Amino acid sequence: MSKENLFDLKGKIAVVTGGGGVLCGDIAKGLAACGVKVAVLDLKKEAAEGVVNDIKKNKGEAIAVVCNVLERASIEQACEQVIKAYGLPNILINGAGGNSPKATTSKEQLSVADLKNKTENFKTFFDLTPEGTQFVFNLNFLGTLLPTQVFGLKMAENGGGVMLNVSSMNAFRPLTKIPAYSAAKAAVSNFTQWASMHLAPVNIRVNAIAPGFFLTEQNRFLLTEQKTGELTPRGKSIIAHTPMSRFGVPEDLFGTIIWLLSDASNFVTGIVVPVDGGFSAYSGV
């Protein structure tokens, strides 16, 4: 391929899980704008259809597919729909994931007084339930592994492809209050490296991005005050530790994503790229 076409994705077929969400929805729209045929997979039909409608308004090509990334049968059914509509996909973006208040502590650090705090909805680490923790871990880790199995098999049979996982800053340094999410994203980064090695002989590249702090529906309750919209102390702390002094916007991810999906990174596999405004480079001092 010529140097002029290194970043060309036109004609590719991409599957985006969690495609009805804020970040992955914009990723799907960006890929469609590059001439990619996009299958927008989401548990919520309306969310996926909303993204697809936006893509079609801009002359792009996309389909909405309902999919539960925690159920292999649902993923296999989604895969069949994608193949029927467009053919065998050669790009998979594992974007489904998120956190939950049920797996989040109320405070960053424990005090002795907290052990006796019976206030409704107040949670110490010791109050987190196995169910809440497992939901978050499964959504992020199994929700990456299972689509990798289903779509990866088709790619292997078809001569190869490219996978992009969505890790997080949590994978580099665990953030306070969200132990399950931090552990799950660390697992995603580790799995990215493992899968890159395992699938290299069948011409499948596997990389990940690690977004910094982007306001989404999953983390808005942690970063902004519900009534006023002002930053919480946690939100202010994040901005103070981000050299570029702002939250990310979906467009900030796109250059890195195009590079990792295109032939421009043809000899790149098994890496996790921070897209974080410098957060991971700053010690706070």
Protein backbone atom coordinates (compact mmCIF):
# COMPACT_ATOMS: atom_id res chain seq x y z
CA MET A 1 0.00 0.00 0.00
CA SER A 2 1.26 3.50 -0.86
CA LYS A 3 2.08 5.98 1.87
CA GLU A 4 -0.82 8.14 0.75
CA ASN A 5 -3.28 5.34 1.55
CA LEU A 6 -1.85 4.16 4.86
CA PHE A 7 -4.83 5.39 6.87
CA ASP A 8 -7.50 4.42 4.35
CA LEU A 9 -10.34 2.32 5.82
CA LYS A 10 -12.84 2.69 3.00
CA GLY A 11 -14.76 -0.51 2.29
CA LYS A 12 -13.90 -2.17 5.59
CA ILE A 13 -16.62 -3.83 7.69
CA ALA A 14 -16.56 -2.94 11.38
CA VAL A 15 -18.45 -4.24 14.39
CA VAL A 16 -18.71 -1.84 17.35
CA THR A 17 -20.05 -3.27 20.61
CA GLY A 18 -21.56 -0.76 22.99
CA GLY A 19 -22.12 1.30 19.86
CA GLY A 20 -25.18 3.02 21.26
CA GLY A 21 -23.15 4.75 23.96
CA VAL A 22 -21.60 8.21 23.91
CA LEU A 23 -18.01 7.29 23.09
CA CYS A 24 -18.58 4.24 20.92
CA GLY A 25 -21.48 5.91 19.15
CA ASP A 26 -19.17 8.69 18.05
CA ILE A 27 -16.52 6.14 17.09
CA ALA A 28 -19.08 4.36 14.91
CA LYS A 29 -20.04 7.66 13.26
CA GLY A 30 -16.40 8.51 12.65
CA LEU A 31 -15.71 5.15 11.03
CA ALA A 32 -18.75 5.51 8.80
CA ALA A 33 -17.51 8.94 7.71
CA CYS A 34 -14.31 7.18 6.57
CA GLY A 35 -16.29 4.86 4.30
CA VAL A 36 -16.52 1.92 6.71
CA LYS A 37 -19.67 -0.20 6.81
CA VAL A 38 -20.54 -0.23 10.50
CA ALA A 39 -22.58 -2.68 12.55
CA VAL A 40 -23.68 -0.86 15.71
CA LEU A 41 -24.20 -3.46 18.42
CA ASP A 42 -25.93 -2.50 21.65
CA LEU A 43 -28.17 -4.05 24.28
CA LYS A 44 -30.59 -1.14 23.78
CA LYS A 45 -32.21 -1.21 20.36
CA GLU A 46 -33.22 2.45 20.45
CA ALA A 47 -29.69 3.59 21.27
CA ALA A 48 -28.19 1.61 18.39
CA GLU A 49 -30.84 2.84 15.97
CA GLY A 50 -30.21 6.44 17.02
CA VAL A 51 -26.54 6.15 16.06
CA VAL A 52 -27.40 4.42 12.78
CA ASN A 53 -29.91 7.14 11.89
CA ASP A 54 -27.25 9.80 12.44
CA ILE A 55 -24.83 7.87 10.23
CA LYS A 56 -27.37 7.52 7.44
CA LYS A 57 -28.22 11.23 7.60
CA ASN A 58 -24.57 11.86 6.76
CA LYS A 59 -24.61 9.40 3.82
CA GLY A 60 -22.85 6.64 5.75
CA GLU A 61 -23.71 2.96 5.82
CA ALA A 62 -24.66 1.21 9.07
CA ILE A 63 -27.02 -1.27 10.66
CA ALA A 64 -28.31 -1.55 14.23
CA VAL A 65 -28.04 -4.94 15.89
CA VAL A 66 -29.32 -5.83 19.33
CA CYS A 67 -26.67 -7.77 21.23
CA ASN A 68 -25.95 -8.81 24.80
CA VAL A 69 -22.17 -9.13 25.04
CA LEU A 70 -22.52 -11.36 28.11
CA GLU A 71 -24.41 -14.05 26.21
CA ARG A 72 -22.51 -15.99 23.55
CA ALA A 73 -25.70 -17.03 21.76
CA SER A 74 -26.71 -13.38 21.41
CA ILE A 75 -23.28 -12.48 20.00
CA GLU A 76 -23.42 -15.37 17.54
CA GLN A 77 -26.84 -14.24 16.37
CA ALA A 78 -25.52 -10.70 15.95
CA CYS A 79 -22.57 -12.02 13.97
CA GLU A 80 -24.93 -13.81 11.60
CA GLN A 81 -26.88 -10.60 11.06
CA VAL A 82 -23.71 -8.66 10.27
CA ILE A 83 -22.51 -11.28 7.79
CA LYS A 84 -25.91 -11.38 6.12
CA ALA A 85 -25.95 -7.60 5.72
CA TYR A 86 -22.34 -6.84 4.83
CA GLY A 87 -20.22 -9.97 4.73
CA LEU A 88 -17.45 -11.06 7.07
CA PRO A 89 -16.25 -8.25 9.34
CA ASN A 90 -12.56 -7.38 9.40
CA ILE A 91 -12.68 -4.89 12.30
CA LEU A 92 -13.96 -5.47 15.83
CA ILE A 93 -14.13 -2.72 18.44
CA ASN A 94 -14.91 -4.06 21.90
CA GLY A 95 -16.46 -0.95 23.39
CA ALA A 96 -19.16 -2.36 25.65
CA GLY A 97 -18.44 -1.69 29.30
CA GLY A 98 -19.04 0.67 32.17
CA ASN A 99 -19.27 1.08 35.92
CA SER A 100 -22.15 0.92 38.39
CA PRO A 101 -22.99 2.69 41.67
CA LYS A 102 -23.47 -0.81 43.12
CA ALA A 103 -19.72 -1.42 42.79
CA THR A 104 -18.62 2.01 43.99
CA THR A 105 -17.60 3.04 47.52
CA SER A 106 -18.96 6.29 48.94
CA LYS A 107 -15.57 7.58 50.06
CA GLU A 108 -12.06 7.38 48.68
CA GLN A 109 -10.54 6.17 51.95
CA LEU A 110 -11.97 4.29 54.91
CA SER A 111 -12.18 5.76 58.40
CA VAL A 112 -13.06 4.02 61.64
CA ALA A 113 -16.25 6.10 61.87
CA ASP A 114 -17.38 4.74 58.50
CA LEU A 115 -17.73 1.28 60.00
CA LYS A 116 -20.65 2.52 62.07
CA ASN A 117 -22.25 4.68 59.38
CA LYS A 118 -25.72 3.29 58.66
CA THR A 119 -26.82 6.09 56.35
CA GLU A 120 -28.91 4.84 53.44
CA ASN A 121 -26.83 4.28 50.28
CA PHE A 122 -23.56 4.81 52.14
CA LYS A 123 -21.14 2.11 51.05
CA THR A 124 -17.77 1.12 52.37
CA PHE A 125 -15.62 -1.43 50.59
CA PHE A 126 -17.04 -4.04 52.97
CA ASP A 127 -20.59 -3.28 51.83
CA LEU A 128 -19.99 -3.97 48.14
CA THR A 129 -21.90 -7.05 47.06
CA PRO A 130 -20.60 -9.94 44.98
CA GLU A 131 -23.46 -9.32 42.55
CA GLY A 132 -22.58 -5.66 41.94
CA THR A 133 -18.89 -6.42 41.66
CA GLN A 134 -19.42 -9.35 39.32
CA PHE A 135 -21.74 -7.36 37.07
CA VAL A 136 -19.10 -4.66 36.50
CA PHE A 137 -16.27 -7.15 36.04
CA ASN A 138 -18.26 -9.31 33.64
CA LEU A 139 -19.53 -6.37 31.60
CA ASN A 140 -16.01 -5.11 30.97
CA PHE A 141 -13.94 -8.29 30.79
CA LEU A 142 -16.29 -11.03 29.62
CA GLY A 143 -17.96 -8.40 27.43
CA THR A 144 -14.62 -8.15 25.65
CA LEU A 145 -13.59 -11.80 25.69
CA LEU A 146 -16.83 -13.27 24.31
CA PRO A 147 -17.11 -11.03 21.21
CA THR A 148 -13.40 -11.66 20.60
CA GLN A 149 -14.14 -15.38 20.50
CA VAL A 150 -17.15 -15.14 18.21
CA PHE A 151 -15.92 -12.54 15.72
CA GLY A 152 -12.30 -13.62 16.06
CA LEU A 153 -13.18 -17.10 14.84
CA LYS A 154 -14.70 -15.63 11.68
CA MET A 155 -11.66 -13.41 11.15
CA ALA A 156 -9.29 -16.34 11.60
CA GLU A 157 -11.23 -18.38 9.07
CA ASN A 158 -11.27 -15.45 6.66
CA GLY A 159 -7.55 -14.64 6.74
CA GLY A 160 -7.27 -12.04 9.49
CA GLY A 161 -8.53 -8.76 10.86
CA VAL A 162 -8.00 -6.06 13.46
CA MET A 163 -9.38 -5.83 16.99
CA LEU A 164 -9.42 -2.80 19.24
CA ASN A 165 -10.30 -3.10 22.93
CA VAL A 166 -11.24 -0.25 25.24
CA SER A 167 -9.19 -0.22 28.42
CA SER A 168 -8.88 2.74 30.80
CA MET A 169 -6.58 4.85 32.94
CA ASN A 170 -7.68 2.50 35.73
CA ALA A 171 -5.56 -0.20 34.17
CA PHE A 172 -2.41 1.87 34.74
CA ARG A 173 -3.23 3.11 38.22
CA PRO A 174 -6.39 2.00 40.04
CA LEU A 175 -8.68 4.89 40.79
CA THR A 176 -10.32 5.39 44.16
CA LYS A 177 -13.88 4.23 44.86
CA ILE A 178 -14.23 1.83 41.90
CA PRO A 179 -12.33 -1.41 42.64
CA ALA A 180 -14.32 -3.67 40.32
CA TYR A 181 -14.04 -1.35 37.31
CA SER A 182 -10.32 -0.83 37.89
CA ALA A 183 -9.68 -4.56 38.15
CA ALA A 184 -11.78 -5.30 35.07
CA LYS A 185 -9.99 -2.76 32.89
CA ALA A 186 -6.62 -4.09 34.06
CA ALA A 187 -7.87 -7.48 32.90
CA VAL A 188 -8.81 -6.00 29.51
CA SER A 189 -5.27 -4.63 29.07
CA ASN A 190 -3.73 -7.96 30.04
CA PHE A 191 -6.11 -9.84 27.75
CA THR A 192 -5.22 -7.49 24.89
CA GLN A 193 -1.59 -8.52 25.19
CA TRP A 194 -2.46 -12.20 25.54
CA ALA A 195 -4.80 -12.22 22.55
CA SER A 196 -2.29 -10.33 20.40
CA MET A 197 0.23 -13.11 20.92
CA HIS A 198 -2.27 -15.93 20.53
CA LEU A 199 -3.89 -14.62 17.36
CA ALA A 200 -0.82 -13.26 15.56
CA PRO A 201 -0.25 -16.47 13.52
CA VAL A 202 -3.72 -16.13 11.99
CA ASN A 203 -3.09 -12.50 10.99
CA ILE A 204 -5.23 -10.84 13.66
CA ARG A 205 -3.83 -7.75 15.34
CA VAL A 206 -5.16 -6.82 18.81
CA ASN A 207 -4.54 -3.47 20.48
CA ALA A 208 -6.33 -1.23 22.96
CA ILE A 209 -6.87 2.39 23.77
CA ALA A 210 -6.91 3.63 27.36
CA PRO A 211 -9.07 6.76 27.43
CA GLY A 212 -8.51 9.29 30.14
CA PHE A 213 -11.53 11.07 31.54
CA PHE A 214 -14.50 11.55 29.26
CA LEU A 215 -17.93 12.47 30.61
CA THR A 216 -20.31 9.58 29.91
CA GLU A 217 -23.59 8.38 31.37
CA GLN A 218 -21.67 5.77 33.39
CA ASN A 219 -19.39 8.21 35.21
CA ARG A 220 -21.39 11.44 35.24
CA PHE A 221 -22.70 10.66 38.75
CA LEU A 222 -19.10 10.58 40.00
CA LEU A 223 -17.81 13.70 38.25
CA THR A 224 -20.68 16.19 38.29
CA GLU A 225 -23.30 17.26 40.83
CA GLN A 226 -26.69 15.93 39.79
CA LYS A 227 -28.62 19.09 40.68
CA THR A 228 -26.20 21.82 39.62
CA GLY A 229 -24.00 20.21 37.00
CA GLU A 230 -20.94 21.60 38.76
CA LEU A 231 -17.86 19.44 39.13
CA THR A 232 -17.68 17.23 42.17
CA PRO A 233 -14.48 17.27 44.25
CA ARG A 234 -13.49 14.16 42.29
CA GLY A 235 -14.12 15.91 38.99
CA LYS A 236 -12.06 18.90 40.10
CA SER A 237 -9.23 16.60 41.19
CA ILE A 238 -9.18 14.91 37.77
CA ILE A 239 -8.94 18.23 35.95
CA ALA A 240 -6.18 19.34 38.32
CA HIS A 241 -4.20 16.19 37.46
CA THR A 242 -4.76 16.44 33.69
CA PRO A 243 -2.07 18.67 32.12
CA MET A 244 -4.41 19.64 29.27
CA SER A 245 -6.93 20.85 31.92
CA ARG A 246 -10.13 19.41 30.45
CA PHE A 247 -12.15 16.27 30.01
CA GLY A 248 -11.78 14.46 26.72
CA VAL A 249 -14.34 14.60 23.93
CA PRO A 250 -15.03 11.62 21.64
CA GLU A 251 -13.21 13.25 18.73
CA ASP A 252 -9.99 13.09 20.75
CA LEU A 253 -9.95 9.31 20.37
CA PHE A 254 -10.35 9.16 16.66
CA GLY A 255 -6.86 9.79 15.34
CA THR A 256 -5.44 7.03 17.53
CA ILE A 257 -8.23 4.67 16.54
CA ILE A 258 -7.72 5.24 12.81
CA TRP A 259 -4.00 4.58 13.22
CA LEU A 260 -4.56 1.33 15.13
CA LEU A 261 -7.20 0.03 12.72
CA SER A 262 -5.41 0.94 9.50
CA ASP A 263 -2.35 -0.35 7.67
CA ALA A 264 -0.40 2.53 9.19
CA SER A 265 0.04 0.27 12.26
CA ASN A 266 0.50 -2.94 10.30
CA PHE A 267 3.39 -4.09 12.55
CA VAL A 268 1.77 -2.93 15.80
CA THR A 269 0.01 -5.40 18.06
CA GLY A 270 -0.37 -5.96 21.79
CA ILE A 271 -0.15 -2.35 22.93
CA VAL A 272 -2.40 -0.16 25.09
CA VAL A 273 -2.31 3.50 24.05
CA PRO A 274 -3.27 6.19 26.59
CA VAL A 275 -5.46 8.98 25.20
CA ASP A 276 -5.66 11.01 28.36
CA GLY A 277 -4.52 14.61 28.02
CA GLY A 278 -1.34 13.74 29.87
CA PHE A 279 -3.01 12.32 33.00
CA SER A 280 -0.79 9.21 33.10
CA ALA A 281 2.34 11.33 32.78
CA TYR A 282 1.61 13.62 35.73
CA SER A 283 2.47 12.61 39.29
CA GLY A 284 0.48 15.44 40.84
CA VAL A 285 3.64 17.15 42.11
